[in-house]
Amino acid sequence: MTEPKTRYAIYFMQQWVGDHPAEWYQTRVEPSRKVVADMEAAGVLVFAGGLVEEMELAFSADGTSGEMLVTDGPYTEVTEYLGGITIIEVETIEEAREWAARVAEGCGWPQEVREIK
């Protein structure tokens, strides 16, 4: 019997990307696509994608008052917001660390990793 795999979220806040010229971003396309393709080939990729940067396109849903309220915009004023997320499913934390490092290298900016329970 094999051990159950663990899911991890590898993600970044948009502000961690930094300011770069358009040409620099173009240098990140191929390395980023390559690591996603490698994750697919290894059978560890669950999902990967970037989020729309325009926070005015966000909306929030909150039912904590007993009545559901859906409003335009983020739930709270924030200085950092999620820019993208990759979900992987691997056997060991060491594998999660290796994939996170590859994502960070491919993108060119830091990533944070958390186990999904």
N, C-alpha and C. Protein backbone atom coordinates (compact mmCIF):
# COMPACT_ATOMS: atom_id res chain seq x y z
N MET A 1 0.84 -1.17 0.00
CA MET A 1 0.00 0.00 0.00
C MET A 1 0.89 1.25 0.00
N THR A 2 0.57 2.20 -0.86
CA THR A 2 1.38 3.41 -0.94
C THR A 2 0.89 4.46 0.05
N GLU A 3 1.82 5.28 0.48
CA GLU A 3 1.48 6.38 1.39
C GLU A 3 0.63 7.40 0.65
N PRO A 4 -0.32 8.01 1.34
CA PRO A 4 -1.12 9.06 0.68
C PRO A 4 -0.24 10.26 0.36
N LYS A 5 -0.55 10.89 -0.74
CA LYS A 5 0.20 12.08 -1.13
C LYS A 5 -0.36 13.29 -0.41
N THR A 6 0.46 14.31 -0.30
CA THR A 6 0.08 15.55 0.37
C THR A 6 0.02 16.66 -0.66
N ARG A 7 -0.99 17.51 -0.53
CA ARG A 7 -1.11 18.66 -1.43
C ARG A 7 -0.47 19.88 -0.78
N TYR A 8 0.20 20.64 -1.63
CA TYR A 8 0.83 21.89 -1.20
C TYR A 8 0.42 23.01 -2.15
N ALA A 9 0.24 24.19 -1.58
CA ALA A 9 0.01 25.39 -2.36
C ALA A 9 1.33 26.14 -2.45
N ILE A 10 1.75 26.44 -3.66
CA ILE A 10 2.93 27.26 -3.93
C ILE A 10 2.37 28.56 -4.49
N TYR A 11 2.61 29.68 -3.83
CA TYR A 11 1.96 30.91 -4.27
C TYR A 11 2.85 32.11 -4.02
N PHE A 12 2.42 33.23 -4.63
CA PHE A 12 3.14 34.48 -4.44
C PHE A 12 2.16 35.63 -4.32
N MET A 13 2.62 36.66 -3.65
CA MET A 13 1.87 37.90 -3.59
C MET A 13 2.35 38.77 -4.75
N GLN A 14 1.43 39.45 -5.39
CA GLN A 14 1.77 40.23 -6.58
C GLN A 14 2.90 41.22 -6.31
N GLN A 15 2.95 41.78 -5.12
CA GLN A 15 3.96 42.78 -4.79
C GLN A 15 5.37 42.19 -4.73
N TRP A 16 5.49 40.87 -4.62
CA TRP A 16 6.81 40.23 -4.57
C TRP A 16 7.47 40.20 -5.96
N VAL A 17 6.67 40.41 -7.00
CA VAL A 17 7.18 40.33 -8.37
C VAL A 17 8.17 41.45 -8.64
N GLY A 18 7.90 42.63 -8.16
CA GLY A 18 8.78 43.77 -8.39
C GLY A 18 8.46 44.45 -9.71
N ASP A 19 9.11 45.55 -9.93
CA ASP A 19 8.94 46.31 -11.17
C ASP A 19 10.04 45.94 -12.15
N HIS A 20 9.62 45.51 -13.32
CA HIS A 20 10.57 45.10 -14.35
C HIS A 20 10.06 45.59 -15.70
N PRO A 21 10.97 45.79 -16.64
CA PRO A 21 10.52 46.16 -17.99
C PRO A 21 9.83 44.97 -18.66
N ALA A 22 8.99 45.27 -19.64
CA ALA A 22 8.23 44.23 -20.36
C ALA A 22 9.15 43.14 -20.91
N GLU A 23 10.33 43.53 -21.36
CA GLU A 23 11.27 42.55 -21.92
C GLU A 23 11.68 41.51 -20.88
N TRP A 24 11.82 41.93 -19.63
CA TRP A 24 12.21 41.00 -18.57
C TRP A 24 11.12 39.95 -18.38
N TYR A 25 9.85 40.38 -18.36
CA TYR A 25 8.75 39.43 -18.18
C TYR A 25 8.74 38.40 -19.30
N GLN A 26 9.08 38.82 -20.51
CA GLN A 26 9.13 37.89 -21.63
C GLN A 26 10.18 36.80 -21.41
N THR A 27 11.24 37.12 -20.68
CA THR A 27 12.27 36.11 -20.40
C THR A 27 11.79 35.07 -19.40
N ARG A 28 10.67 35.33 -18.71
CA ARG A 28 10.16 34.41 -17.70
C ARG A 28 9.10 33.47 -18.25
N VAL A 29 8.58 33.73 -19.45
CA VAL A 29 7.50 32.92 -20.01
C VAL A 29 7.94 31.48 -20.22
N GLU A 30 9.00 31.26 -20.95
CA GLU A 30 9.45 29.90 -21.25
C GLU A 30 9.85 29.12 -20.00
N PRO A 31 10.67 29.70 -19.09
CA PRO A 31 11.01 28.94 -17.88
C PRO A 31 9.79 28.59 -17.03
N SER A 32 8.82 29.50 -16.96
CA SER A 32 7.61 29.22 -16.18
C SER A 32 6.79 28.11 -16.81
N ARG A 33 6.63 28.16 -18.12
CA ARG A 33 5.88 27.10 -18.82
C ARG A 33 6.59 25.77 -18.71
N LYS A 34 7.91 25.79 -18.72
CA LYS A 34 8.70 24.56 -18.64
C LYS A 34 8.48 23.85 -17.30
N VAL A 35 8.51 24.60 -16.20
CA VAL A 35 8.32 23.95 -14.90
C VAL A 35 6.91 23.39 -14.77
N VAL A 36 5.90 24.07 -15.31
CA VAL A 36 4.54 23.55 -15.27
C VAL A 36 4.44 22.27 -16.11
N ALA A 37 5.06 22.27 -17.28
CA ALA A 37 5.08 21.08 -18.13
C ALA A 37 5.78 19.93 -17.42
N ASP A 38 6.87 20.23 -16.72
CA ASP A 38 7.60 19.20 -15.97
C ASP A 38 6.74 18.64 -14.84
N MET A 39 5.98 19.49 -14.17
CA MET A 39 5.08 19.03 -13.11
C MET A 39 4.01 18.11 -13.69
N GLU A 40 3.47 18.49 -14.84
CA GLU A 40 2.47 17.64 -15.50
C GLU A 40 3.07 16.29 -15.85
N ALA A 41 4.27 16.30 -16.42
CA ALA A 41 4.94 15.06 -16.81
C ALA A 41 5.23 14.17 -15.60
N ALA A 42 5.55 14.79 -14.46
CA ALA A 42 5.85 14.03 -13.24
C ALA A 42 4.58 13.58 -12.52
N GLY A 43 3.43 14.06 -12.97
CA GLY A 43 2.17 13.66 -12.35
C GLY A 43 1.90 14.31 -11.01
N VAL A 44 2.52 15.47 -10.74
CA VAL A 44 2.32 16.12 -9.45
C VAL A 44 1.44 17.37 -9.54
N LEU A 45 1.19 17.87 -10.74
CA LEU A 45 0.42 19.11 -10.90
C LEU A 45 -1.06 18.87 -10.71
N VAL A 46 -1.67 19.66 -9.84
CA VAL A 46 -3.12 19.67 -9.67
C VAL A 46 -3.68 20.88 -10.40
N PHE A 47 -3.05 22.05 -10.22
CA PHE A 47 -3.50 23.29 -10.84
C PHE A 47 -2.39 24.32 -10.78
N ALA A 48 -2.30 25.18 -11.79
CA ALA A 48 -1.40 26.32 -11.76
C ALA A 48 -2.04 27.46 -12.54
N GLY A 49 -1.96 28.66 -11.99
CA GLY A 49 -2.49 29.81 -12.70
C GLY A 49 -2.23 31.11 -11.98
N GLY A 50 -2.19 32.17 -12.77
CA GLY A 50 -2.06 33.51 -12.23
C GLY A 50 -3.44 34.12 -12.06
N LEU A 51 -3.53 35.10 -11.19
CA LEU A 51 -4.79 35.79 -10.95
C LEU A 51 -4.79 37.14 -11.63
N VAL A 52 -5.96 37.62 -11.99
CA VAL A 52 -6.12 38.93 -12.59
C VAL A 52 -5.60 39.97 -11.60
N GLU A 53 -4.77 40.89 -12.06
CA GLU A 53 -4.16 41.87 -11.17
C GLU A 53 -5.09 42.99 -10.74
N GLU A 54 -6.09 43.32 -11.54
CA GLU A 54 -6.97 44.45 -11.25
C GLU A 54 -7.90 44.12 -10.10
N MET A 55 -7.60 44.67 -8.92
CA MET A 55 -8.38 44.36 -7.72
C MET A 55 -9.82 44.87 -7.83
N GLU A 56 -10.08 45.85 -8.69
CA GLU A 56 -11.45 46.34 -8.85
C GLU A 56 -12.34 45.28 -9.51
N LEU A 57 -11.75 44.24 -10.07
CA LEU A 57 -12.52 43.14 -10.66
C LEU A 57 -12.82 42.04 -9.65
N ALA A 58 -12.24 42.16 -8.46
CA ALA A 58 -12.49 41.18 -7.40
C ALA A 58 -13.87 41.43 -6.79
N PHE A 59 -14.43 40.39 -6.20
CA PHE A 59 -15.65 40.55 -5.41
C PHE A 59 -15.56 39.62 -4.22
N SER A 60 -16.37 39.91 -3.21
CA SER A 60 -16.32 39.17 -1.96
C SER A 60 -17.70 38.64 -1.60
N ALA A 61 -17.72 37.51 -0.93
CA ALA A 61 -18.96 36.93 -0.41
C ALA A 61 -18.78 36.71 1.09
N ASP A 62 -19.74 37.18 1.87
CA ASP A 62 -19.64 37.08 3.33
C ASP A 62 -21.02 36.78 3.91
N GLY A 63 -21.13 35.64 4.56
CA GLY A 63 -22.38 35.25 5.19
C GLY A 63 -22.30 35.23 6.69
N THR A 64 -21.28 35.84 7.27
CA THR A 64 -21.08 35.75 8.72
C THR A 64 -22.13 36.50 9.53
N SER A 65 -22.86 37.42 8.90
CA SER A 65 -23.89 38.18 9.62
C SER A 65 -25.22 37.42 9.67
N GLY A 66 -25.26 36.25 9.02
CA GLY A 66 -26.51 35.50 8.94
C GLY A 66 -27.23 35.74 7.62
N GLU A 67 -26.79 36.74 6.89
CA GLU A 67 -27.34 37.04 5.57
C GLU A 67 -26.17 37.12 4.60
N MET A 68 -26.31 36.48 3.44
CA MET A 68 -25.22 36.49 2.47
C MET A 68 -25.14 37.85 1.80
N LEU A 69 -23.95 38.40 1.80
CA LEU A 69 -23.69 39.69 1.18
C LEU A 69 -22.56 39.51 0.17
N VAL A 70 -22.83 39.77 -1.08
CA VAL A 70 -21.82 39.70 -2.13
C VAL A 70 -21.58 41.13 -2.60
N THR A 71 -20.32 41.58 -2.50
CA THR A 71 -19.98 42.96 -2.83
C THR A 71 -18.81 43.01 -3.79
N ASP A 72 -18.72 44.10 -4.52
CA ASP A 72 -17.59 44.32 -5.42
C ASP A 72 -16.36 44.66 -4.61
N GLY A 73 -15.21 44.25 -5.12
CA GLY A 73 -13.94 44.58 -4.48
C GLY A 73 -13.48 43.54 -3.49
N PRO A 74 -12.24 43.70 -3.03
CA PRO A 74 -11.71 42.76 -2.03
C PRO A 74 -12.45 42.89 -0.71
N TYR A 75 -12.38 41.85 0.10
CA TYR A 75 -13.08 41.80 1.39
C TYR A 75 -12.56 42.89 2.32
N THR A 76 -11.24 43.09 2.33
CA THR A 76 -10.64 44.12 3.17
C THR A 76 -9.61 44.89 2.37
N GLU A 77 -9.25 46.04 2.84
CA GLU A 77 -8.16 46.80 2.24
C GLU A 77 -6.86 46.06 2.57
N VAL A 78 -6.07 45.81 1.55
CA VAL A 78 -4.82 45.08 1.75
C VAL A 78 -3.68 45.77 1.04
N THR A 79 -2.47 45.56 1.54
CA THR A 79 -1.30 46.10 0.87
C THR A 79 -0.67 45.06 -0.04
N GLU A 80 -0.96 43.79 0.19
CA GLU A 80 -0.48 42.71 -0.66
C GLU A 80 -1.67 41.84 -1.05
N TYR A 81 -1.62 41.33 -2.28
CA TYR A 81 -2.69 40.44 -2.71
C TYR A 81 -2.11 39.32 -3.55
N LEU A 82 -2.82 38.20 -3.53
CA LEU A 82 -2.38 36.99 -4.20
C LEU A 82 -2.23 37.23 -5.70
N GLY A 83 -1.10 36.80 -6.24
CA GLY A 83 -0.84 36.98 -7.67
C GLY A 83 -0.98 35.70 -8.46
N GLY A 84 -0.69 34.57 -7.86
CA GLY A 84 -0.80 33.30 -8.56
C GLY A 84 -0.63 32.15 -7.59
N ILE A 85 -1.09 30.98 -8.03
CA ILE A 85 -1.04 29.81 -7.15
C ILE A 85 -0.84 28.55 -7.98
N THR A 86 -0.07 27.66 -7.44
CA THR A 86 0.15 26.34 -8.02
C THR A 86 -0.16 25.32 -6.93
N ILE A 87 -0.94 24.33 -7.26
CA ILE A 87 -1.25 23.25 -6.31
C ILE A 87 -0.57 21.98 -6.83
N ILE A 88 0.22 21.36 -5.96
CA ILE A 88 0.88 20.11 -6.30
C ILE A 88 0.48 19.03 -5.31
N GLU A 89 0.66 17.78 -5.71
CA GLU A 89 0.39 16.65 -4.83
C GLU A 89 1.61 15.74 -4.91
N VAL A 90 2.33 15.64 -3.79
CA VAL A 90 3.59 14.91 -3.77
C VAL A 90 3.66 13.99 -2.56
N GLU A 91 4.64 13.10 -2.58
CA GLU A 91 4.80 12.13 -1.49
C GLU A 91 5.57 12.68 -0.30
N THR A 92 6.51 13.62 -0.54
CA THR A 92 7.34 14.11 0.56
C THR A 92 7.44 15.63 0.55
N ILE A 93 7.78 16.17 1.71
CA ILE A 93 7.98 17.62 1.80
C ILE A 93 9.22 18.03 1.00
N GLU A 94 10.18 17.13 0.88
CA GLU A 94 11.37 17.43 0.09
C GLU A 94 10.99 17.67 -1.37
N GLU A 95 10.06 16.87 -1.89
CA GLU A 95 9.58 17.08 -3.26
C GLU A 95 8.90 18.44 -3.38
N ALA A 96 8.10 18.79 -2.38
CA ALA A 96 7.42 20.09 -2.40
C ALA A 96 8.44 21.22 -2.42
N ARG A 97 9.49 21.08 -1.65
CA ARG A 97 10.55 22.10 -1.63
C ARG A 97 11.23 22.21 -2.99
N GLU A 98 11.51 21.08 -3.60
CA GLU A 98 12.16 21.09 -4.91
C GLU A 98 11.29 21.76 -5.97
N TRP A 99 9.99 21.43 -5.98
CA TRP A 99 9.10 22.05 -6.96
C TRP A 99 8.93 23.54 -6.69
N ALA A 100 8.85 23.92 -5.43
CA ALA A 100 8.73 25.35 -5.09
C ALA A 100 9.94 26.12 -5.58
N ALA A 101 11.11 25.54 -5.40
CA ALA A 101 12.34 26.19 -5.86
C ALA A 101 12.32 26.34 -7.39
N ARG A 102 11.85 25.33 -8.08
CA ARG A 102 11.78 25.40 -9.54
C ARG A 102 10.77 26.44 -10.00
N VAL A 103 9.64 26.55 -9.30
CA VAL A 103 8.65 27.58 -9.63
C VAL A 103 9.25 28.96 -9.41
N ALA A 104 9.91 29.16 -8.27
CA ALA A 104 10.52 30.46 -7.97
C ALA A 104 11.57 30.82 -9.02
N GLU A 105 12.36 29.85 -9.42
CA GLU A 105 13.37 30.09 -10.44
C GLU A 105 12.73 30.41 -11.79
N GLY A 106 11.70 29.64 -12.15
CA GLY A 106 11.04 29.86 -13.43
C GLY A 106 10.38 31.22 -13.51
N CYS A 107 9.70 31.61 -12.45
CA CYS A 107 9.00 32.90 -12.43
C CYS A 107 9.97 34.07 -12.30
N GLY A 108 10.97 33.88 -11.46
CA GLY A 108 11.90 34.97 -11.20
C GLY A 108 11.55 35.80 -9.98
N TRP A 109 10.67 35.29 -9.12
CA TRP A 109 10.33 35.98 -7.88
C TRP A 109 10.01 34.94 -6.81
N PRO A 110 10.00 35.37 -5.53
CA PRO A 110 9.82 34.43 -4.42
C PRO A 110 8.45 33.74 -4.44
N GLN A 111 8.42 32.58 -3.83
CA GLN A 111 7.20 31.80 -3.66
C GLN A 111 7.10 31.39 -2.19
N GLU A 112 5.90 31.23 -1.72
CA GLU A 112 5.66 30.70 -0.38
C GLU A 112 4.95 29.38 -0.54
N VAL A 113 5.16 28.45 0.39
CA VAL A 113 4.56 27.13 0.30
C VAL A 113 3.85 26.80 1.61
N ARG A 114 2.63 26.27 1.45
CA ARG A 114 1.90 25.81 2.63
C ARG A 114 1.20 24.51 2.29
N GLU A 115 1.19 23.61 3.27
CA GLU A 115 0.47 22.35 3.11
C GLU A 115 -1.02 22.62 3.12
N ILE A 116 -1.74 21.89 2.29
CA ILE A 116 -3.20 21.99 2.26
C ILE A 116 -3.75 20.85 3.09
N LYS A 117 -4.55 21.15 4.07
CA LYS A 117 -5.14 20.13 4.95
C LYS A 117 -6.50 19.75 4.46
